[in-house]
C-alpha atoms as a PDB file:
ATOM      1  CA  MET A   1     -68.714   1.014  65.067  1.00  0.00           C
ATOM      2  CA  ARG A   2     -70.502   4.323  64.530  1.00  0.00           C
ATOM      3  CA  GLU A   3     -68.601   5.658  67.522  1.00  0.00           C
ATOM      4  CA  VAL A   4     -65.215   4.499  66.184  1.00  0.00           C
ATOM      5  CA  LEU A   5     -65.553   5.414  62.501  1.00  0.00           C
ATOM      6  CA  PRO A   6     -65.286   9.235  62.690  1.00  0.00           C
ATOM      7  CA  GLY A   7     -62.085   9.198  64.749  1.00  0.00           C
ATOM      8  CA  VAL A   8     -60.357   6.628  62.522  1.00  0.00           C
ATOM      9  CA  ALA A   9     -61.433   8.571  59.423  1.00  0.00           C
ATOM     10  CA  ARG A  10     -59.978  11.805  60.816  1.00  0.00           C
ATOM     11  CA  ARG A  11     -56.684  10.042  61.628  1.00  0.00           C
ATOM     12  CA  PHE A  12     -56.481   8.660  58.099  1.00  0.00           C
ATOM     13  CA  VAL A  13     -57.283  12.046  56.571  1.00  0.00           C
ATOM     14  CA  GLY A  14     -54.657  13.753  58.724  1.00  0.00           C
ATOM     15  CA  LEU A  15     -52.070  11.201  57.594  1.00  0.00           C
ATOM     16  CA  VAL A  16     -52.884  11.679  53.897  1.00  0.00           C
ATOM     17  CA  ARG A  17     -52.911  15.481  54.108  1.00  0.00           C
ATOM     18  CA  ARG A  18     -49.450  15.767  55.630  1.00  0.00           C
ATOM     19  CA  LEU A  19     -47.685  13.669  52.984  1.00  0.00           C
ATOM     20  CA  PRO A  20     -46.908  14.321  49.281  1.00  0.00           C
ATOM     21  CA  ALA A  21     -49.631  12.960  47.013  1.00  0.00           C
ATOM     22  CA  ASP A  22     -47.090  11.128  44.850  1.00  0.00           C
ATOM     23  CA  ALA A  23     -45.254   9.473  47.765  1.00  0.00           C
ATOM     24  CA  ARG A  24     -45.362   5.680  47.693  1.00  0.00           C
ATOM     25  CA  ALA A  25     -47.844   3.819  49.866  1.00  0.00           C
ATOM     26  CA  THR A  26     -47.522   0.337  48.363  1.00  0.00           C
ATOM     27  CA  ALA A  27     -45.614  -1.222  45.503  1.00  0.00           C
ATOM     28  CA  GLU A  28     -48.465  -0.239  43.164  1.00  0.00           C
ATOM     29  CA  TRP A  29     -50.142   2.794  44.733  1.00  0.00           C
ATOM     30  CA  THR A  30     -49.170   6.316  45.743  1.00  0.00           C
ATOM     31  CA  VAL A  31     -50.638   8.058  48.783  1.00  0.00           C
ATOM     32  CA  ALA A  32     -53.194   9.705  46.468  1.00  0.00           C
ATOM     33  CA  ASP A  33     -54.113   6.371  44.850  1.00  0.00           C
ATOM     34  CA  THR A  34     -54.610   4.826  48.280  1.00  0.00           C
ATOM     35  CA  ALA A  35     -56.773   7.731  49.423  1.00  0.00           C
ATOM     36  CA  ALA A  36     -58.820   7.434  46.211  1.00  0.00           C
ATOM     37  CA  HIS A  37     -59.319   3.698  46.816  1.00  0.00           C
ATOM     38  CA  VAL A  38     -60.612   4.259  50.352  1.00  0.00           C
ATOM     39  CA  ALA A  39     -62.719   7.245  49.252  1.00  0.00           C
ATOM     40  CA  SER A  40     -64.327   5.164  46.468  1.00  0.00           C
ATOM     41  CA  ILE A  41     -65.343   2.507  49.000  1.00  0.00           C
ATOM     42  CA  THR A  42     -66.761   5.149  51.325  1.00  0.00           C
ATOM     43  CA  THR A  43     -68.800   6.600  48.460  1.00  0.00           C
ATOM     44  CA  MET A  44     -70.161   3.166  47.539  1.00  0.00           C
ATOM     45  CA  TYR A  45     -71.162   2.574  51.155  1.00  0.00           C
ATOM     46  CA  THR A  46     -73.370   5.670  51.166  1.00  0.00           C
ATOM     47  CA  SER A  47     -75.487   3.715  48.675  1.00  0.00           C
ATOM     48  CA  ILE A  48     -75.171   0.209  50.140  1.00  0.00           C
ATOM     49  CA  LEU A  49     -76.075   1.324  53.668  1.00  0.00           C
ATOM     50  CA  ALA A  50     -79.027   3.520  52.721  1.00  0.00           C
ATOM     51  CA  PRO A  51     -82.326   1.901  53.771  1.00  0.00           C
ATOM     52  CA  GLY A  52     -83.643   0.205  50.653  1.00  0.00           C
ATOM     53  CA  GLY A  53     -80.421   1.029  48.818  1.00  0.00           C
ATOM     54  CA  GLY A  54     -79.410   4.358  47.327  1.00  0.00           C
ATOM     55  CA  PRO A  55     -78.298   5.554  43.878  1.00  0.00           C
ATOM     56  CA  VAL A  56     -75.414   3.475  42.539  1.00  0.00           C
ATOM     57  CA  PRO A  57     -72.322   5.738  42.349  1.00  0.00           C
ATOM     58  CA  PHE A  58     -70.565   3.763  39.589  1.00  0.00           C
ATOM     59  CA  LYS A  59     -73.092   2.005  37.333  1.00  0.00           C
ATOM     60  CA  ALA A  60     -70.350   0.281  35.322  1.00  0.00           C
ATOM     61  CA  LEU A  61     -69.325  -1.609  38.469  1.00  0.00           C
ATOM     62  CA  VAL A  62     -72.738  -3.094  39.300  1.00  0.00           C
ATOM     63  CA  GLU A  63     -72.175  -6.424  37.524  1.00  0.00           C
ATOM     64  CA  PRO A  64     -68.466  -6.798  38.477  1.00  0.00           C
ATOM     65  CA  VAL A  65     -69.403  -6.157  42.131  1.00  0.00           C
ATOM     66  CA  ARG A  66     -72.061  -8.877  41.955  1.00  0.00           C
ATOM     67  CA  THR A  67     -69.759 -11.516  40.452  1.00  0.00           C
ATOM     68  CA  VAL A  68     -66.418 -10.682  42.101  1.00  0.00           C
ATOM     69  CA  THR A  69     -64.508 -13.258  44.138  1.00  0.00           C
ATOM     70  CA  VAL A  70     -61.648 -12.827  46.584  1.00  0.00           C
ATOM     71  CA  ASP A  71     -59.264 -13.693  43.760  1.00  0.00           C
ATOM     72  CA  THR A  72     -60.613 -10.989  41.407  1.00  0.00           C
ATOM     73  CA  VAL A  73     -60.926  -8.116  43.885  1.00  0.00           C
ATOM     74  CA  ALA A  74     -57.684  -6.655  42.494  1.00  0.00           C
ATOM     75  CA  ASP A  75     -59.330  -6.319  39.063  1.00  0.00           C
ATOM     76  CA  LEU A  76     -62.369  -4.664  40.635  1.00  0.00           C
ATOM     77  CA  ASN A  77     -60.117  -2.179  42.434  1.00  0.00           C
ATOM     78  CA  VAL A  78     -58.456  -1.238  39.146  1.00  0.00           C
ATOM     79  CA  MET A  79     -61.868  -0.679  37.533  1.00  0.00           C
ATOM     80  CA  ALA A  80     -63.059   1.408  40.480  1.00  0.00           C
ATOM     81  CA  LEU A  81     -59.994   3.670  40.333  1.00  0.00           C
ATOM     82  CA  ARG A  82     -60.569   4.230  36.615  1.00  0.00           C
ATOM     83  CA  HIS A  83     -64.017   5.620  37.445  1.00  0.00           C
ATOM     84  CA  PHE A  84     -62.883   7.444  40.576  1.00  0.00           C
ATOM     85  CA  THR A  85     -60.302   9.628  38.847  1.00  0.00           C
ATOM     86  CA  ASN A  86     -59.629  12.498  41.256  1.00  0.00           C
ATOM     87  CA  ARG A  87     -56.189  12.393  42.894  1.00  0.00           C
ATOM     88  CA  ASP A  88     -56.164  15.726  44.706  1.00  0.00           C
ATOM     89  CA  PRO A  89     -55.641  14.869  48.404  1.00  0.00           C
ATOM     90  CA  GLN A  90     -57.690  17.802  49.724  1.00  0.00           C
ATOM     91  CA  THR A  91     -60.664  17.022  47.486  1.00  0.00           C
ATOM     92  CA  LEU A  92     -60.427  13.304  48.208  1.00  0.00           C
ATOM     93  CA  THR A  93     -60.243  13.711  51.965  1.00  0.00           C
ATOM     94  CA  ASP A  94     -62.980  16.367  52.053  1.00  0.00           C
ATOM     95  CA  GLY A  95     -65.200  13.950  50.123  1.00  0.00           C
ATOM     96  CA  LEU A  96     -64.275  11.042  52.387  1.00  0.00           C
ATOM     97  CA  LEU A  97     -65.207  12.969  55.543  1.00  0.00           C
ATOM     98  CA  SER A  98     -68.454  14.141  53.937  1.00  0.00           C
ATOM     99  CA  ASP A  99     -69.343  10.564  52.984  1.00  0.00           C
ATOM    100  CA  VAL A 100     -68.549   9.367  56.516  1.00  0.00           C
ATOM    101  CA  ASP A 101     -70.973  11.998  57.846  1.00  0.00           C
ATOM    102  CA  THR A 102     -73.610  10.715  55.409  1.00  0.00           C
ATOM    103  CA  ILE A 103     -73.009   7.126  56.520  1.00  0.00           C
ATOM    104  CA  LEU A 104     -73.414   8.126  60.169  1.00  0.00           C
ATOM    105  CA  LYS A 105     -76.702   9.869  59.384  1.00  0.00           C
ATOM    106  CA  ILE A 106     -78.218   7.016  57.379  1.00  0.00           C
ATOM    107  CA  THR A 107     -77.223   4.413  59.983  1.00  0.00           C
ATOM    108  CA  ASP A 108     -78.433   6.424  62.969  1.00  0.00           C
ATOM    109  CA  GLY A 109     -80.998   4.287  64.750  1.00  0.00           C
ATOM    110  CA  THR A 110     -80.785   1.465  62.232  1.00  0.00           C
ATOM    111  CA  ASP A 111     -80.645  -2.202  63.204  1.00  0.00           C
ATOM    112  CA  HIS A 112     -76.964  -3.112  62.900  1.00  0.00           C
ATOM    113  CA  ASP A 113     -77.935  -6.767  62.396  1.00  0.00           C
ATOM    114  CA  ARG A 114     -79.889  -5.862  59.256  1.00  0.00           C
ATOM    115  CA  THR A 115     -78.083  -7.381  56.295  1.00  0.00           C
ATOM    116  CA  VAL A 116     -77.246  -5.611  53.042  1.00  0.00           C
ATOM    117  CA  PRO A 117     -75.847  -6.959  49.744  1.00  0.00           C
ATOM    118  CA  TRP A 118     -72.063  -6.853  49.523  1.00  0.00           C
ATOM    119  CA  LEU A 119     -69.441  -8.122  47.080  1.00  0.00           C
ATOM    120  CA  GLY A 120     -70.070 -11.380  45.225  1.00  0.00           C
ATOM    121  CA  ASP A 121     -73.739 -11.570  46.280  1.00  0.00           C
ATOM    122  CA  SER A 122     -72.678 -12.020  49.889  1.00  0.00           C
ATOM    123  CA  ARG A 123     -74.791 -10.597  52.718  1.00  0.00           C
ATOM    124  CA  VAL A 124     -73.225  -8.555  55.508  1.00  0.00           C
ATOM    125  CA  PRO A 125     -74.822  -6.934  58.584  1.00  0.00           C
ATOM    126  CA  VAL A 126     -74.792  -3.134  58.667  1.00  0.00           C
ATOM    127  CA  GLY A 127     -72.411  -3.279  61.645  1.00  0.00           C
ATOM    128  CA  GLY A 128     -70.093  -5.496  59.591  1.00  0.00           C
ATOM    129  CA  VAL A 129     -70.021  -3.027  56.690  1.00  0.00           C
ATOM    130  CA  LEU A 130     -69.064  -0.255  59.116  1.00  0.00           C
ATOM    131  CA  ALA A 131     -66.373  -2.531  60.557  1.00  0.00           C
ATOM    132  CA  HIS A 132     -65.064  -3.202  57.044  1.00  0.00           C
ATOM    133  CA  LEU A 133     -64.783   0.530  56.361  1.00  0.00           C
ATOM    134  CA  VAL A 134     -62.922   1.079  59.627  1.00  0.00           C
ATOM    135  CA  ASN A 135     -60.566  -1.745  58.665  1.00  0.00           C
ATOM    136  CA  GLU A 136     -59.947  -0.222  55.213  1.00  0.00           C
ATOM    137  CA  LEU A 137     -58.903   3.007  56.922  1.00  0.00           C
ATOM    138  CA  LEU A 138     -56.696   1.147  59.409  1.00  0.00           C
ATOM    139  CA  VAL A 139     -54.953  -1.171  56.924  1.00  0.00           C
ATOM    140  CA  HIS A 140     -54.364   1.473  54.274  1.00  0.00           C
ATOM    141  CA  GLY A 141     -53.267   3.920  56.936  1.00  0.00           C
ATOM    142  CA  TRP A 142     -50.744   1.238  57.956  1.00  0.00           C
ATOM    143  CA  ASP A 143     -49.625   0.956  54.319  1.00  0.00           C
ATOM    144  CA  ILE A 144     -48.990   4.680  54.013  1.00  0.00           C
ATOM    145  CA  ALA A 145     -47.357   5.083  57.417  1.00  0.00           C
ATOM    146  CA  ARG A 146     -45.064   2.093  56.983  1.00  0.00           C
ATOM    147  CA  ALA A 147     -43.928   3.192  53.528  1.00  0.00           C
ATOM    148  CA  GLN A 148     -43.290   6.770  54.675  1.00  0.00           C
ATOM    149  CA  ARG A 149     -41.932   5.823  58.103  1.00  0.00           C
ATOM    150  CA  VAL A 150     -44.397   7.896  60.096  1.00  0.00           C
ATOM    151  CA  PRO A 151     -46.399   6.850  63.181  1.00  0.00           C
ATOM    152  CA  TRP A 152     -49.679   4.949  62.865  1.00  0.00           C
ATOM    153  CA  THR A 153     -51.504   3.003  65.546  1.00  0.00           C
ATOM    154  CA  THR A 154     -54.090   0.247  65.197  1.00  0.00           C
ATOM    155  CA  PRO A 155     -55.723  -0.271  68.589  1.00  0.00           C
ATOM    156  CA  PRO A 156     -56.981  -3.863  68.992  1.00  0.00           C
ATOM    157  CA  ARG A 157     -60.455  -2.686  69.946  1.00  0.00           C
ATOM    158  CA  GLU A 158     -60.733  -0.796  66.650  1.00  0.00           C
ATOM    159  CA  ALA A 159     -59.418  -3.742  64.636  1.00  0.00           C
ATOM    160  CA  ALA A 160     -61.488  -6.467  66.364  1.00  0.00           C
ATOM    161  CA  PRO A 161     -64.917  -5.726  64.808  1.00  0.00           C
ATOM    162  CA  PHE A 162     -63.594  -6.578  61.342  1.00  0.00           C
ATOM    163  CA  PHE A 163     -63.341 -10.214  62.390  1.00  0.00           C
ATOM    164  CA  ALA A 164     -66.286 -10.281  64.800  1.00  0.00           C
ATOM    165  CA  LEU A 165     -68.846  -8.246  62.853  1.00  0.00           C
ATOM    166  CA  PHE A 166     -67.721  -8.379  59.238  1.00  0.00           C
ATOM    167  CA  LEU A 167     -66.080 -11.752  58.617  1.00  0.00           C
ATOM    168  CA  VAL A 168     -68.182 -13.797  61.055  1.00  0.00           C
ATOM    169  CA  GLY A 169     -71.270 -11.763  60.137  1.00  0.00           C
ATOM    170  CA  MET A 170     -70.829 -12.571  56.443  1.00  0.00           C
ATOM    171  CA  ILE A 171     -70.218 -16.263  57.166  1.00  0.00           C
ATOM    172  CA  ARG A 172     -73.417 -16.412  59.236  1.00  0.00           C
ATOM    173  CA  ASN A 173     -75.508 -14.633  56.576  1.00  0.00           C
ATOM    174  CA  GLY A 174     -74.065 -15.887  53.288  1.00  0.00           C
ATOM    175  CA  THR A 175     -70.728 -15.578  51.501  1.00  0.00           C
ATOM    176  CA  GLY A 176     -72.287 -15.745  48.027  1.00  0.00           C
ATOM    177  CA  SER A 177     -69.621 -16.375  45.408  1.00  0.00           C
ATOM    178  CA  LEU A 178     -66.965 -14.392  47.253  1.00  0.00           C
ATOM    179  CA  LEU A 179     -64.994 -17.415  48.478  1.00  0.00           C
ATOM    180  CA  ASP A 180     -65.485 -19.420  45.290  1.00  0.00           C
ATOM    181  CA  GLY A 181     -62.669 -21.763  44.372  1.00  0.00           C
ATOM    182  CA  PRO A 182     -61.897 -25.458  44.641  1.00  0.00           C
ATOM    183  CA  PRO A 183     -62.435 -26.847  48.150  1.00  0.00           C
ATOM    184  CA  PRO A 184     -59.161 -27.925  49.785  1.00  0.00           C
ATOM    185  CA  SER A 185     -60.629 -31.352  50.595  1.00  0.00           C
ATOM    186  CA  ASP A 186     -63.825 -33.045  51.715  1.00  0.00           C
ATOM    187  CA  ARG A 187     -62.551 -33.166  55.270  1.00  0.00           C
ATOM    188  CA  ARG A 188     -64.396 -31.147  57.909  1.00  0.00           C
ATOM    189  CA  ILE A 189     -62.041 -28.601  59.513  1.00  0.00           C
ATOM    190  CA  ALA A 190     -63.128 -26.692  62.629  1.00  0.00           C
ATOM    191  CA  VAL A 191     -61.060 -23.696  63.752  1.00  0.00           C
ATOM    192  CA  ALA A 192     -61.753 -21.951  67.056  1.00  0.00           C
ATOM    193  CA  PHE A 193     -60.859 -18.243  67.149  1.00  0.00           C
ATOM    194  CA  ARG A 194     -60.170 -16.740  70.549  1.00  0.00           C
ATOM    195  CA  SER A 195     -59.296 -13.166  71.475  1.00  0.00           C
ATOM    196  CA  ARG A 196     -59.852 -11.020  74.540  1.00  0.00           C
ATOM    197  CA  TYR A 197     -61.511  -8.491  72.192  1.00  0.00           C
ATOM    198  CA  THR A 198     -64.063 -10.780  70.494  1.00  0.00           C
ATOM    199  CA  ASP A 199     -66.644 -13.377  71.454  1.00  0.00           C
ATOM    200  CA  PRO A 200     -65.471 -16.992  71.041  1.00  0.00           C
ATOM    201  CA  VAL A 201     -66.432 -18.493  67.694  1.00  0.00           C
ATOM    202  CA  THR A 202     -65.635 -21.681  65.791  1.00  0.00           C
ATOM    203  CA  LEU A 203     -65.609 -21.543  62.003  1.00  0.00           C
ATOM    204  CA  VAL A 204     -66.112 -24.821  60.168  1.00  0.00           C
ATOM    205  CA  LEU A 205     -65.067 -25.598  56.617  1.00  0.00           C
ATOM    206  CA  HIS A 206     -66.684 -28.663  55.062  1.00  0.00           C
ATOM    207  CA  GLY A 207     -66.321 -28.977  51.311  1.00  0.00           C
ATOM    208  CA  ASP A 208     -67.364 -25.644  49.771  1.00  0.00           C
ATOM    209  CA  ARG A 209     -69.305 -24.485  52.805  1.00  0.00           C
ATOM    210  CA  VAL A 210     -68.093 -22.302  55.686  1.00  0.00           C
ATOM    211  CA  THR A 211     -70.269 -21.998  58.789  1.00  0.00           C
ATOM    212  CA  ALA A 212     -70.082 -20.729  62.351  1.00  0.00           C
ATOM    213  CA  GLU A 213     -70.848 -23.553  64.795  1.00  0.00           C
ATOM    214  CA  ASP A 214     -70.416 -24.764  68.348  1.00  0.00           C
ATOM    215  CA  GLY A 215     -68.500 -27.889  69.219  1.00  0.00           C
ATOM    216  CA  PRO A 216     -64.941 -29.231  69.380  1.00  0.00           C
ATOM    217  CA  ALA A 217     -62.243 -27.703  67.215  1.00  0.00           C
ATOM    218  CA  ASP A 218     -59.307 -29.193  65.327  1.00  0.00           C
ATOM    219  CA  VAL A 219     -57.324 -25.962  65.635  1.00  0.00           C
ATOM    220  CA  THR A 220     -57.393 -23.043  68.058  1.00  0.00           C
ATOM    221  CA  VAL A 221     -56.155 -19.624  66.966  1.00  0.00           C
ATOM    222  CA  ARG A 222     -55.534 -17.079  69.732  1.00  0.00           C
ATOM    223  CA  PHE A 223     -55.039 -13.674  68.208  1.00  0.00           C
ATOM    224  CA  ASP A 224     -54.472  -9.977  68.522  1.00  0.00           C
ATOM    225  CA  PRO A 225     -57.025  -8.496  66.070  1.00  0.00           C
ATOM    226  CA  ALA A 226     -54.676  -5.962  64.478  1.00  0.00           C
ATOM    227  CA  ALA A 227     -52.019  -8.618  63.855  1.00  0.00           C
ATOM    228  CA  LEU A 228     -54.544 -11.110  62.455  1.00  0.00           C
ATOM    229  CA  ASN A 229     -55.995  -8.532  60.038  1.00  0.00           C
ATOM    230  CA  LEU A 230     -52.571  -7.540  58.697  1.00  0.00           C
ATOM    231  CA  MET A 231     -51.641 -11.203  58.277  1.00  0.00           C
ATOM    232  CA  MET A 232     -54.894 -12.109  56.527  1.00  0.00           C
ATOM    233  CA  PHE A 233     -54.488  -9.193  54.107  1.00  0.00           C
ATOM    234  CA  GLY A 234     -50.932 -10.226  53.282  1.00  0.00           C
ATOM    235  CA  ARG A 235     -49.251  -7.224  54.870  1.00  0.00           C
ATOM    236  CA  VAL A 236     -47.212  -9.319  57.291  1.00  0.00           C
ATOM    237  CA  SER A 237     -46.195 -12.938  56.696  1.00  0.00           C
ATOM    238  CA  ARG A 238     -47.639 -15.761  58.791  1.00  0.00           C
ATOM    239  CA  ALA A 239     -44.152 -16.665  60.024  1.00  0.00           C
ATOM    240  CA  ARG A 240     -43.375 -13.141  61.166  1.00  0.00           C
ATOM    241  CA  THR A 241     -46.780 -12.804  62.819  1.00  0.00           C
ATOM    242  CA  ALA A 242     -46.261 -16.081  64.673  1.00  0.00           C
ATOM    243  CA  LEU A 243     -42.850 -14.917  65.896  1.00  0.00           C
ATOM    244  CA  THR A 244     -44.418 -11.854  67.525  1.00  0.00           C
ATOM    245  CA  GLY A 245     -46.693 -14.115  69.594  1.00  0.00           C
ATOM    246  CA  LYS A 246     -49.734 -12.096  68.499  1.00  0.00           C
ATOM    247  CA  VAL A 247     -51.244 -15.044  66.617  1.00  0.00           C
ATOM    248  CA  VAL A 248     -50.761 -18.405  68.333  1.00  0.00           C
ATOM    249  CA  VAL A 249     -51.925 -21.707  66.818  1.00  0.00           C
ATOM    250  CA  SER A 250     -52.609 -24.804  68.911  1.00  0.00           C
ATOM    251  CA  GLY A 251     -55.054 -27.695  69.130  1.00  0.00           C
ATOM    252  CA  ARG A 252     -55.359 -31.367  68.210  1.00  0.00           C
ATOM    253  CA  ARG A 253     -54.651 -30.922  64.475  1.00  0.00           C
ATOM    254  CA  PRO A 254     -52.900 -27.566  63.904  1.00  0.00           C
ATOM    255  CA  TRP A 255     -51.571 -28.781  60.539  1.00  0.00           C
ATOM    256  CA  LEU A 256     -55.098 -28.410  59.121  1.00  0.00           C
ATOM    257  CA  LEU A 257     -55.043 -24.609  59.419  1.00  0.00           C
ATOM    258  CA  PRO A 258     -53.304 -23.927  56.049  1.00  0.00           C
ATOM    259  CA  ALA A 259     -56.017 -25.892  54.207  1.00  0.00           C
ATOM    260  CA  PHE A 260     -58.686 -23.887  56.053  1.00  0.00           C
ATOM    261  CA  LEU A 261     -56.994 -20.577  55.143  1.00  0.00           C
ATOM    262  CA  ARG A 262     -56.798 -21.524  51.466  1.00  0.00           C
ATOM    263  CA  LYS A 263     -60.601 -21.293  51.467  1.00  0.00           C
ATOM    264  CA  VAL A 264     -61.293 -18.705  54.169  1.00  0.00           C
ATOM    265  CA  ARG A 265     -59.059 -15.986  52.785  1.00  0.00           C
ATOM    266  CA  LEU A 266     -58.939 -12.251  52.144  1.00  0.00           C
ATOM    267  CA  PRO A 267     -57.567 -10.244  49.199  1.00  0.00           C
ATOM    268  CA  THR A 268     -53.782  -9.731  49.337  1.00  0.00           C
ATOM    269  CA  ASN A 269     -53.367  -7.718  46.135  1.00  0.00           C
ATOM    270  CA  ALA A 270     -51.899  -4.482  47.574  1.00  0.00           C
ATOM    271  CA  ARG A 271     -48.268  -5.426  48.156  1.00  0.00           C
ATOM    272  CA  PRO A 272     -46.465  -3.485  50.916  1.00  0.00           C
ATOM    273  CA  LEU A 273     -43.146  -1.872  50.119  1.00  0.00           C
ATOM    274  CA  SER A 274     -40.263  -4.066  51.287  1.00  0.00           C
END
């Protein structure tokens, strides 16, 4: 991911710099708001990824970050943007690129399987945190480009590590309180995820617990990583994604997938413009 991050960051910065700061990116955010959101995450990661942890950029967010769940991430984003007040695109993007350089320096030579604390007391490998940052740049770049009708590409190989390194990495190391919520049922649901860009993995939901295991699956999901990420973040509907053929569901009990996704879910708070 260290090899991919600088190029994706430069593409995102170039996109932001060539558009008006007050142009819409989503139903709630302007281009400048979106850039500030991504820049705030990048700044926080300079602390999270530092060996032993670095100075906390926004002390008021320490407790909300520890207790956040998928369903309250929207509130955390609002709080973060109140503390990260700059909306000048040049300043924001200069800071973002500088923070990316810092992240590359502090992760040079580090063990990418080393875990660090993330939202909701979850634990994520260093490589997964880098994959999450790349995905933030890709998804929010998609938001801006779609709203302003300008080109933006999300190569599958750049999108794939979000699932393989971040999501699976967090499930293997501990989701903390991030996925808190009532379990859909006591039934064990095993979903196999298959893509030409990721290693095969089966995720199992049983009660409140999500694990990565071997064995037979109830459902098989074959996916293009970029399409799956946009669907999971609520940018594109499940029906529309299925119609493209980029996410295909099969298996012995495909009807169990919705119950699985009610637990294994991602924030969908940033609504795309219709």
